[in-house]
């Protein structure tokens, strides 16, 4: 009787062992997350709440928009223009000093939206004098490979004059990175401006008449500034001060309310700035 019981126990153990081996063959092992990946995840989790107290932009009811949350930015996509209405992100020093460069990435159609920008829309871009104008720059997303790759989604692009893209607009992007390094963190929203209801097009994509960028610092002595650049070749010696526009005027031109959680006199003061001097010294 004892021998039969022992044999039964051994057979049960062997069966359990066989099942365990079989289960391991079917289910992949769970990979361990390295320190760098874990740090990326912590940043991604925090990015979902980083606009609390400031507020993501709000569109007027007349403007179609689908909000898309990405690792490094949030965007509102317009199915009529096939461009973003706005792209918003919080820029910090560690986002621009990582090890992930832009080399090796290609522009990607975004299947989260329909209708969408397609590769064919960009077939004649260079002949027309346009670059893929990143709204959220690749240079602001060196902290994460995924964040970097998502800056190449076509929902983050507008047709932008090549010289503007490579000269004045790039200098503004570089200035933002300098301010983020010195101030710790800034909030940025940018996007296209259309001056009429009918648009020139590149393929099916509306060509913006201009671009805006609004920047907010919420540390000691909060400050904000807005810029507007026409979508054309800039002058030889372009000065950022020449492009400073009160944020309240950009709101009127775009139908977008910026930083909606900042109210009253504080909002009015931040949105009325016409001088670049308080930023230029950083």
C-alpha atoms as a PDB file:
ATOM      1  CA  UNK A   1       0.000   0.000   0.000  1.00  0.00           C
ATOM      2  CA  UNK A   2       2.830   2.379   0.945  1.00  0.00           C
ATOM      3  CA  UNK A   3       4.679   1.617  -2.324  1.00  0.00           C
ATOM      4  CA  UNK A   4       1.528   2.308  -4.365  1.00  0.00           C
ATOM      5  CA  UNK A   5       1.044   5.633  -2.537  1.00  0.00           C
ATOM      6  CA  UNK A   6       4.676   6.622  -3.147  1.00  0.00           C
ATOM      7  CA  UNK A   7       4.406   5.746  -6.823  1.00  0.00           C
ATOM      8  CA  UNK A   8       1.201   7.813  -7.103  1.00  0.00           C
ATOM      9  CA  UNK A   9       2.899  10.821  -5.523  1.00  0.00           C
ATOM     10  CA  UNK A  10       5.928  10.479  -7.834  1.00  0.00           C
ATOM     11  CA  UNK A  11       3.710  10.226 -10.921  1.00  0.00           C
ATOM     12  CA  UNK A  12       1.822  13.321  -9.839  1.00  0.00           C
ATOM     13  CA  UNK A  13       5.081  15.217  -9.391  1.00  0.00           C
ATOM     14  CA  UNK A  14       6.315  14.121 -12.811  1.00  0.00           C
ATOM     15  CA  UNK A  15       3.049  15.216 -14.398  1.00  0.00           C
ATOM     16  CA  UNK A  16       3.295  18.603 -12.727  1.00  0.00           C
ATOM     17  CA  UNK A  17       6.895  18.959 -13.888  1.00  0.00           C
ATOM     18  CA  UNK A  18       5.926  18.059 -17.443  1.00  0.00           C
ATOM     19  CA  UNK A  19       3.154  20.646 -17.384  1.00  0.00           C
ATOM     20  CA  UNK A  20       5.541  23.293 -16.089  1.00  0.00           C
ATOM     21  CA  UNK A  21       8.045  22.654 -18.865  1.00  0.00           C
ATOM     22  CA  UNK A  22       5.262  22.686 -21.413  1.00  0.00           C
ATOM     23  CA  UNK A  23       3.894  25.966 -20.071  1.00  0.00           C
ATOM     24  CA  UNK A  24       7.353  27.573 -20.213  1.00  0.00           C
ATOM     25  CA  UNK A  25       7.650  26.473 -23.835  1.00  0.00           C
ATOM     26  CA  UNK A  26       4.395  28.260 -24.679  1.00  0.00           C
ATOM     27  CA  UNK A  27       4.656  31.446 -22.595  1.00  0.00           C
ATOM     28  CA  UNK A  28       7.563  33.778 -23.349  1.00  0.00           C
ATOM     29  CA  UNK A  29       9.748  34.849 -20.500  1.00  0.00           C
ATOM     30  CA  UNK A  30       9.002  38.316 -19.134  1.00  0.00           C
ATOM     31  CA  UNK A  31      11.998  40.511 -19.897  1.00  0.00           C
ATOM     32  CA  UNK A  32      13.610  42.528 -17.150  1.00  0.00           C
ATOM     33  CA  UNK A  33      13.421  46.274 -17.568  1.00  0.00           C
ATOM     34  CA  UNK A  34      16.794  47.971 -17.476  1.00  0.00           C
ATOM     35  CA  UNK A  35      17.406  51.216 -15.633  1.00  0.00           C
ATOM     36  CA  UNK A  36      17.204  53.345 -18.791  1.00  0.00           C
ATOM     37  CA  UNK A  37      13.896  51.814 -19.885  1.00  0.00           C
ATOM     38  CA  UNK A  38      12.474  52.160 -16.390  1.00  0.00           C
ATOM     39  CA  UNK A  39      13.453  55.824 -16.386  1.00  0.00           C
ATOM     40  CA  UNK A  40      11.686  56.288 -19.738  1.00  0.00           C
ATOM     41  CA  UNK A  41       8.528  54.707 -18.333  1.00  0.00           C
ATOM     42  CA  UNK A  42       8.597  56.986 -15.301  1.00  0.00           C
ATOM     43  CA  UNK A  43       8.822  59.971 -17.637  1.00  0.00           C
ATOM     44  CA  UNK A  44       5.962  58.684 -19.783  1.00  0.00           C
ATOM     45  CA  UNK A  45       3.744  58.198 -16.740  1.00  0.00           C
ATOM     46  CA  UNK A  46       4.536  61.690 -15.465  1.00  0.00           C
ATOM     47  CA  UNK A  47       3.860  63.227 -18.900  1.00  0.00           C
ATOM     48  CA  UNK A  48       0.139  62.453 -18.565  1.00  0.00           C
ATOM     49  CA  UNK A  49      -0.175  64.885 -15.646  1.00  0.00           C
ATOM     50  CA  UNK A  50       2.464  67.498 -16.415  1.00  0.00           C
ATOM     51  CA  UNK A  51      -0.048  70.003 -17.841  1.00  0.00           C
ATOM     52  CA  UNK A  52      -2.144  70.059 -14.637  1.00  0.00           C
ATOM     53  CA  UNK A  53      -2.460  73.621 -13.397  1.00  0.00           C
ATOM     54  CA  UNK A  54      -1.753  74.969 -16.873  1.00  0.00           C
ATOM     55  CA  UNK A  55      -4.119  73.095 -19.159  1.00  0.00           C
ATOM     56  CA  UNK A  56      -3.758  71.792 -22.695  1.00  0.00           C
ATOM     57  CA  UNK A  57      -5.039  74.111 -25.441  1.00  0.00           C
ATOM     58  CA  UNK A  58      -8.780  74.314 -26.059  1.00  0.00           C
ATOM     59  CA  UNK A  59     -10.229  74.674 -29.574  1.00  0.00           C
ATOM     60  CA  UNK A  60     -13.223  76.780 -30.490  1.00  0.00           C
ATOM     61  CA  UNK A  61     -16.251  74.641 -31.286  1.00  0.00           C
ATOM     62  CA  UNK A  62     -15.925  75.366 -35.011  1.00  0.00           C
ATOM     63  CA  UNK A  63     -12.547  73.643 -35.359  1.00  0.00           C
ATOM     64  CA  UNK A  64     -12.458  69.848 -35.789  1.00  0.00           C
ATOM     65  CA  UNK A  65      -9.837  68.197 -33.626  1.00  0.00           C
ATOM     66  CA  UNK A  66      -8.863  64.724 -32.470  1.00  0.00           C
ATOM     67  CA  UNK A  67      -6.501  64.620 -29.509  1.00  0.00           C
ATOM     68  CA  UNK A  68      -3.602  62.189 -29.834  1.00  0.00           C
ATOM     69  CA  UNK A  69      -1.383  61.481 -26.842  1.00  0.00           C
ATOM     70  CA  UNK A  70       2.201  60.579 -27.669  1.00  0.00           C
ATOM     71  CA  UNK A  71       5.146  59.797 -25.444  1.00  0.00           C
ATOM     72  CA  UNK A  72       6.768  63.211 -25.789  1.00  0.00           C
ATOM     73  CA  UNK A  73       3.877  65.453 -26.827  1.00  0.00           C
ATOM     74  CA  UNK A  74       0.116  65.791 -27.270  1.00  0.00           C
ATOM     75  CA  UNK A  75      -1.459  66.956 -30.502  1.00  0.00           C
ATOM     76  CA  UNK A  76      -4.855  67.942 -31.848  1.00  0.00           C
ATOM     77  CA  UNK A  77      -5.328  66.660 -35.410  1.00  0.00           C
ATOM     78  CA  UNK A  78      -7.554  68.412 -37.951  1.00  0.00           C
ATOM     79  CA  UNK A  79      -9.179  66.044 -40.458  1.00  0.00           C
ATOM     80  CA  UNK A  80      -9.978  68.926 -42.832  1.00  0.00           C
ATOM     81  CA  UNK A  81      -6.532  70.472 -43.170  1.00  0.00           C
ATOM     82  CA  UNK A  82      -4.733  67.133 -42.517  1.00  0.00           C
ATOM     83  CA  UNK A  83      -2.420  69.091 -40.229  1.00  0.00           C
ATOM     84  CA  UNK A  84      -2.244  69.402 -36.463  1.00  0.00           C
ATOM     85  CA  UNK A  85      -4.243  72.266 -34.967  1.00  0.00           C
ATOM     86  CA  UNK A  86      -1.646  72.407 -32.231  1.00  0.00           C
ATOM     87  CA  UNK A  87       1.135  70.328 -30.709  1.00  0.00           C
ATOM     88  CA  UNK A  88       1.983  70.755 -27.023  1.00  0.00           C
ATOM     89  CA  UNK A  89       4.811  69.490 -24.847  1.00  0.00           C
ATOM     90  CA  UNK A  90       6.691  70.293 -21.658  1.00  0.00           C
ATOM     91  CA  UNK A  91      10.377  70.664 -22.413  1.00  0.00           C
ATOM     92  CA  UNK A  92      12.978  69.873 -19.763  1.00  0.00           C
ATOM     93  CA  UNK A  93      16.758  69.739 -19.861  1.00  0.00           C
ATOM     94  CA  UNK A  94      16.884  65.933 -19.695  1.00  0.00           C
ATOM     95  CA  UNK A  95      14.650  65.634 -22.766  1.00  0.00           C
ATOM     96  CA  UNK A  96      17.242  67.287 -24.989  1.00  0.00           C
ATOM     97  CA  UNK A  97      20.432  65.708 -23.679  1.00  0.00           C
ATOM     98  CA  UNK A  98      19.689  61.987 -24.122  1.00  0.00           C
ATOM     99  CA  UNK A  99      21.445  59.469 -26.330  1.00  0.00           C
ATOM    100  CA  UNK A 100      18.713  59.053 -28.962  1.00  0.00           C
ATOM    101  CA  UNK A 101      19.498  61.034 -32.113  1.00  0.00           C
ATOM    102  CA  UNK A 102      17.299  61.534 -35.171  1.00  0.00           C
ATOM    103  CA  UNK A 103      19.474  59.501 -37.524  1.00  0.00           C
ATOM    104  CA  UNK A 104      17.839  56.447 -39.052  1.00  0.00           C
ATOM    105  CA  UNK A 105      14.216  57.538 -38.633  1.00  0.00           C
ATOM    106  CA  UNK A 106      11.801  57.937 -41.533  1.00  0.00           C
ATOM    107  CA  UNK A 107       8.560  59.875 -41.837  1.00  0.00           C
ATOM    108  CA  UNK A 108       5.557  57.695 -41.020  1.00  0.00           C
ATOM    109  CA  UNK A 109       1.893  57.875 -41.980  1.00  0.00           C
ATOM    110  CA  UNK A 110      -0.275  57.955 -38.858  1.00  0.00           C
ATOM    111  CA  UNK A 111      -2.982  55.295 -38.998  1.00  0.00           C
ATOM    112  CA  UNK A 112      -4.575  56.610 -35.817  1.00  0.00           C
ATOM    113  CA  UNK A 113      -6.375  59.169 -37.994  1.00  0.00           C
ATOM    114  CA  UNK A 114      -8.406  59.187 -41.195  1.00  0.00           C
ATOM    115  CA  UNK A 115      -8.212  60.931 -43.560  1.00  0.00           C
ATOM    116  CA  UNK A 116      -4.478  61.357 -43.062  1.00  0.00           C
ATOM    117  CA  UNK A 117      -1.374  62.775 -44.665  1.00  0.00           C
ATOM    118  CA  UNK A 118       0.110  60.215 -47.051  1.00  0.00           C
ATOM    119  CA  UNK A 119       3.570  59.797 -48.510  1.00  0.00           C
ATOM    120  CA  UNK A 120       2.139  60.749 -51.899  1.00  0.00           C
ATOM    121  CA  UNK A 121       1.114  64.184 -50.562  1.00  0.00           C
ATOM    122  CA  UNK A 122       4.791  64.946 -50.046  1.00  0.00           C
ATOM    123  CA  UNK A 123       5.973  63.735 -53.460  1.00  0.00           C
ATOM    124  CA  UNK A 124       6.496  67.272 -54.827  1.00  0.00           C
ATOM    125  CA  UNK A 125       7.379  68.957 -51.517  1.00  0.00           C
ATOM    126  CA  UNK A 126      10.963  69.802 -52.413  1.00  0.00           C
ATOM    127  CA  UNK A 127       9.950  71.121 -55.840  1.00  0.00           C
ATOM    128  CA  UNK A 128       7.403  73.352 -54.114  1.00  0.00           C
ATOM    129  CA  UNK A 129      10.012  74.547 -51.626  1.00  0.00           C
ATOM    130  CA  UNK A 130       8.683  72.797 -48.534  1.00  0.00           C
ATOM    131  CA  UNK A 131      10.278  70.705 -45.796  1.00  0.00           C
ATOM    132  CA  UNK A 132       8.630  68.333 -43.354  1.00  0.00           C
ATOM    133  CA  UNK A 133       8.095  70.918 -40.646  1.00  0.00           C
ATOM    134  CA  UNK A 134       8.261  69.166 -37.279  1.00  0.00           C
ATOM    135  CA  UNK A 135       5.937  70.906 -34.844  1.00  0.00           C
ATOM    136  CA  UNK A 136       7.432  69.072 -31.858  1.00  0.00           C
ATOM    137  CA  UNK A 137      11.113  68.913 -32.858  1.00  0.00           C
ATOM    138  CA  UNK A 138      13.165  65.748 -32.914  1.00  0.00           C
ATOM    139  CA  UNK A 139      15.815  67.678 -30.988  1.00  0.00           C
ATOM    140  CA  UNK A 140      13.446  67.985 -28.016  1.00  0.00           C
ATOM    141  CA  UNK A 141      13.066  64.204 -27.699  1.00  0.00           C
ATOM    142  CA  UNK A 142      16.522  62.719 -27.305  1.00  0.00           C
ATOM    143  CA  UNK A 143      15.503  61.171 -23.987  1.00  0.00           C
ATOM    144  CA  UNK A 144      13.547  58.239 -25.474  1.00  0.00           C
ATOM    145  CA  UNK A 145      13.745  56.194 -28.675  1.00  0.00           C
ATOM    146  CA  UNK A 146       9.956  55.950 -28.798  1.00  0.00           C
ATOM    147  CA  UNK A 147       9.509  59.673 -28.225  1.00  0.00           C
ATOM    148  CA  UNK A 148      12.041  60.370 -30.975  1.00  0.00           C
ATOM    149  CA  UNK A 149      10.338  58.008 -33.437  1.00  0.00           C
ATOM    150  CA  UNK A 150       6.905  59.559 -32.792  1.00  0.00           C
ATOM    151  CA  UNK A 151       8.156  63.003 -33.794  1.00  0.00           C
ATOM    152  CA  UNK A 152       8.372  61.586 -37.338  1.00  0.00           C
ATOM    153  CA  UNK A 153       4.646  60.798 -37.514  1.00  0.00           C
ATOM    154  CA  UNK A 154       3.033  62.900 -40.228  1.00  0.00           C
ATOM    155  CA  UNK A 155       0.447  64.116 -37.687  1.00  0.00           C
ATOM    156  CA  UNK A 156       3.372  66.090 -36.211  1.00  0.00           C
ATOM    157  CA  UNK A 157       4.204  67.691 -39.584  1.00  0.00           C
ATOM    158  CA  UNK A 158       3.129  70.681 -41.634  1.00  0.00           C
ATOM    159  CA  UNK A 159       4.436  71.809 -45.031  1.00  0.00           C
ATOM    160  CA  UNK A 160       6.958  74.465 -44.009  1.00  0.00           C
ATOM    161  CA  UNK A 161       9.060  76.700 -46.241  1.00  0.00           C
ATOM    162  CA  UNK A 162      12.475  75.083 -46.459  1.00  0.00           C
ATOM    163  CA  UNK A 163      14.463  78.178 -45.555  1.00  0.00           C
ATOM    164  CA  UNK A 164      12.138  79.026 -42.682  1.00  0.00           C
ATOM    165  CA  UNK A 165      12.461  75.459 -41.384  1.00  0.00           C
ATOM    166  CA  UNK A 166      16.241  75.431 -41.607  1.00  0.00           C
ATOM    167  CA  UNK A 167      16.921  78.998 -40.506  1.00  0.00           C
ATOM    168  CA  UNK A 168      14.624  81.177 -38.361  1.00  0.00           C
ATOM    169  CA  UNK A 169      12.347  78.405 -37.088  1.00  0.00           C
ATOM    170  CA  UNK A 170      15.331  76.232 -36.217  1.00  0.00           C
ATOM    171  CA  UNK A 171      16.880  79.135 -34.287  1.00  0.00           C
ATOM    172  CA  UNK A 172      13.660  79.482 -32.306  1.00  0.00           C
ATOM    173  CA  UNK A 173      13.716  75.754 -31.537  1.00  0.00           C
ATOM    174  CA  UNK A 174      17.320  76.039 -30.369  1.00  0.00           C
ATOM    175  CA  UNK A 175      16.423  79.028 -28.181  1.00  0.00           C
ATOM    176  CA  UNK A 176      13.668  76.970 -26.541  1.00  0.00           C
ATOM    177  CA  UNK A 177      16.178  74.247 -25.699  1.00  0.00           C
ATOM    178  CA  UNK A 178      18.502  76.850 -24.185  1.00  0.00           C
ATOM    179  CA  UNK A 179      15.665  78.254 -22.067  1.00  0.00           C
ATOM    180  CA  UNK A 180      14.664  74.767 -20.899  1.00  0.00           C
ATOM    181  CA  UNK A 181      18.240  74.089 -19.813  1.00  0.00           C
ATOM    182  CA  UNK A 182      18.504  77.330 -17.888  1.00  0.00           C
ATOM    183  CA  UNK A 183      15.009  77.499 -16.428  1.00  0.00           C
ATOM    184  CA  UNK A 184      14.466  73.777 -15.775  1.00  0.00           C
ATOM    185  CA  UNK A 185      11.196  73.357 -17.675  1.00  0.00           C
ATOM    186  CA  UNK A 186       9.009  75.314 -20.091  1.00  0.00           C
ATOM    187  CA  UNK A 187       5.647  74.651 -21.716  1.00  0.00           C
ATOM    188  CA  UNK A 188       5.464  74.940 -25.506  1.00  0.00           C
ATOM    189  CA  UNK A 189       2.535  74.931 -27.937  1.00  0.00           C
ATOM    190  CA  UNK A 190       2.948  75.454 -31.668  1.00  0.00           C
ATOM    191  CA  UNK A 191       1.024  74.947 -34.862  1.00  0.00           C
ATOM    192  CA  UNK A 192      -0.209  76.452 -38.121  1.00  0.00           C
ATOM    193  CA  UNK A 193      -2.103  79.661 -38.830  1.00  0.00           C
ATOM    194  CA  UNK A 194      -4.495  80.034 -41.773  1.00  0.00           C
ATOM    195  CA  UNK A 195      -5.526  83.502 -42.902  1.00  0.00           C
ATOM    196  CA  UNK A 196      -8.553  82.409 -44.949  1.00  0.00           C
ATOM    197  CA  UNK A 197     -11.031  79.551 -45.091  1.00  0.00           C
ATOM    198  CA  UNK A 198      -9.659  78.367 -48.439  1.00  0.00           C
ATOM    199  CA  UNK A 199      -6.144  76.965 -48.506  1.00  0.00           C
ATOM    200  CA  UNK A 200      -3.454  76.313 -51.036  1.00  0.00           C
ATOM    201  CA  UNK A 201      -2.588  72.642 -50.922  1.00  0.00           C
ATOM    202  CA  UNK A 202       0.310  70.280 -51.301  1.00  0.00           C
ATOM    203  CA  UNK A 203      -1.425  67.124 -52.451  1.00  0.00           C
ATOM    204  CA  UNK A 204      -4.397  66.944 -50.073  1.00  0.00           C
ATOM    205  CA  UNK A 205      -2.619  68.807 -47.275  1.00  0.00           C
ATOM    206  CA  UNK A 206      -3.392  72.455 -46.521  1.00  0.00           C
ATOM    207  CA  UNK A 207      -0.383  74.762 -46.679  1.00  0.00           C
ATOM    208  CA  UNK A 208      -0.285  77.035 -43.606  1.00  0.00           C
ATOM    209  CA  UNK A 209       0.098  80.774 -44.122  1.00  0.00           C
ATOM    210  CA  UNK A 210       2.132  81.104 -40.925  1.00  0.00           C
ATOM    211  CA  UNK A 211       3.180  79.292 -37.759  1.00  0.00           C
ATOM    212  CA  UNK A 212       2.823  80.213 -34.107  1.00  0.00           C
ATOM    213  CA  UNK A 213       4.770  79.158 -31.049  1.00  0.00           C
ATOM    214  CA  UNK A 214       3.790  80.109 -27.506  1.00  0.00           C
ATOM    215  CA  UNK A 215       6.073  79.458 -24.548  1.00  0.00           C
ATOM    216  CA  UNK A 216       5.315  79.532 -20.819  1.00  0.00           C
ATOM    217  CA  UNK A 217       7.557  79.363 -17.756  1.00  0.00           C
ATOM    218  CA  UNK A 218       5.801  78.617 -14.462  1.00  0.00           C
ATOM    219  CA  UNK A 219       8.652  78.858 -11.957  1.00  0.00           C
ATOM    220  CA  UNK A 220       9.587  81.932  -9.926  1.00  0.00           C
ATOM    221  CA  UNK A 221       8.448  85.036 -11.783  1.00  0.00           C
ATOM    222  CA  UNK A 222       6.246  83.264 -14.386  1.00  0.00           C
ATOM    223  CA  UNK A 223       6.484  84.590 -17.917  1.00  0.00           C
ATOM    224  CA  UNK A 224       5.178  83.811 -21.384  1.00  0.00           C
ATOM    225  CA  UNK A 225       5.864  84.868 -24.949  1.00  0.00           C
ATOM    226  CA  UNK A 226       4.335  84.233 -28.360  1.00  0.00           C
ATOM    227  CA  UNK A 227       5.873  84.193 -31.834  1.00  0.00           C
ATOM    228  CA  UNK A 228       4.415  84.187 -35.349  1.00  0.00           C
ATOM    229  CA  UNK A 229       6.468  83.401 -38.465  1.00  0.00           C
ATOM    230  CA  UNK A 230       5.065  83.688 -41.984  1.00  0.00           C
ATOM    231  CA  UNK A 231       5.464  80.485 -43.988  1.00  0.00           C
ATOM    232  CA  UNK A 232       7.966  81.935 -46.425  1.00  0.00           C
ATOM    233  CA  UNK A 233      11.699  82.481 -46.741  1.00  0.00           C
ATOM    234  CA  UNK A 234      12.861  84.718 -43.884  1.00  0.00           C
ATOM    235  CA  UNK A 235      14.974  87.857 -44.393  1.00  0.00           C
ATOM    236  CA  UNK A 236      18.750  87.558 -44.302  1.00  0.00           C
ATOM    237  CA  UNK A 237      19.106  88.874 -40.760  1.00  0.00           C
ATOM    238  CA  UNK A 238      15.944  87.757 -39.042  1.00  0.00           C
ATOM    239  CA  UNK A 239      15.414  88.963 -35.481  1.00  0.00           C
ATOM    240  CA  UNK A 240      13.203  87.008 -33.062  1.00  0.00           C
ATOM    241  CA  UNK A 241      11.880  90.252 -31.583  1.00  0.00           C
ATOM    242  CA  UNK A 242      10.296  91.047 -34.950  1.00  0.00           C
ATOM    243  CA  UNK A 243       8.119  87.948 -34.568  1.00  0.00           C
ATOM    244  CA  UNK A 244       6.899  88.502 -30.994  1.00  0.00           C
ATOM    245  CA  UNK A 245       3.100  88.718 -30.889  1.00  0.00           C
ATOM    246  CA  UNK A 246       0.846  88.832 -27.793  1.00  0.00           C
ATOM    247  CA  UNK A 247      -0.527  85.371 -27.074  1.00  0.00           C
ATOM    248  CA  UNK A 248      -3.996  86.905 -26.901  1.00  0.00           C
ATOM    249  CA  UNK A 249      -3.614  87.913 -30.576  1.00  0.00           C
ATOM    250  CA  UNK A 250      -2.511  84.398 -31.515  1.00  0.00           C
ATOM    251  CA  UNK A 251      -5.628  83.071 -29.779  1.00  0.00           C
ATOM    252  CA  UNK A 252      -7.780  85.324 -31.971  1.00  0.00           C
ATOM    253  CA  UNK A 253      -5.946  84.258 -35.137  1.00  0.00           C
ATOM    254  CA  UNK A 254      -6.218  80.524 -34.413  1.00  0.00           C
ATOM    255  CA  UNK A 255      -9.389  80.045 -32.365  1.00  0.00           C
ATOM    256  CA  UNK A 256      -7.286  78.300 -29.706  1.00  0.00           C
ATOM    257  CA  UNK A 257      -7.222  79.131 -25.995  1.00  0.00           C
ATOM    258  CA  UNK A 258      -3.780  78.544 -24.479  1.00  0.00           C
ATOM    259  CA  UNK A 259      -3.111  77.605 -20.840  1.00  0.00           C
ATOM    260  CA  UNK A 260      -6.848  77.592 -19.981  1.00  0.00           C
ATOM    261  CA  UNK A 261      -6.341  76.737 -16.313  1.00  0.00           C
ATOM    262  CA  UNK A 262      -4.564  80.048 -15.726  1.00  0.00           C
ATOM    263  CA  UNK A 263      -7.335  82.552 -15.091  1.00  0.00           C
ATOM    264  CA  UNK A 264      -8.069  86.227 -14.591  1.00  0.00           C
ATOM    265  CA  UNK A 265      -5.401  88.890 -14.236  1.00  0.00           C
ATOM    266  CA  UNK A 266      -2.593  86.300 -14.304  1.00  0.00           C
ATOM    267  CA  UNK A 267      -3.704  85.052 -17.717  1.00  0.00           C
ATOM    268  CA  UNK A 268      -4.223  88.571 -19.058  1.00  0.00           C
ATOM    269  CA  UNK A 269      -0.739  89.610 -17.963  1.00  0.00           C
ATOM    270  CA  UNK A 270       0.981  86.544 -19.433  1.00  0.00           C
ATOM    271  CA  UNK A 271      -0.885  86.787 -22.717  1.00  0.00           C
ATOM    272  CA  UNK A 272      -0.221  90.480 -23.352  1.00  0.00           C
ATOM    273  CA  UNK A 273       3.594  90.365 -23.599  1.00  0.00           C
ATOM    274  CA  UNK A 274       5.033  92.217 -26.589  1.00  0.00           C
ATOM    275  CA  UNK A 275       8.690  92.389 -25.552  1.00  0.00           C
ATOM    276  CA  UNK A 276      11.283  89.688 -25.874  1.00  0.00           C
ATOM    277  CA  UNK A 277      13.751  91.186 -23.386  1.00  0.00           C
ATOM    278  CA  UNK A 278      12.695  89.063 -20.398  1.00  0.00           C
ATOM    279  CA  UNK A 279      13.545  85.925 -22.399  1.00  0.00           C
ATOM    280  CA  UNK A 280      16.459  87.253 -24.409  1.00  0.00           C
ATOM    281  CA  UNK A 281      18.708  87.499 -21.348  1.00  0.00           C
ATOM    282  CA  UNK A 282      18.506  83.759 -20.649  1.00  0.00           C
END
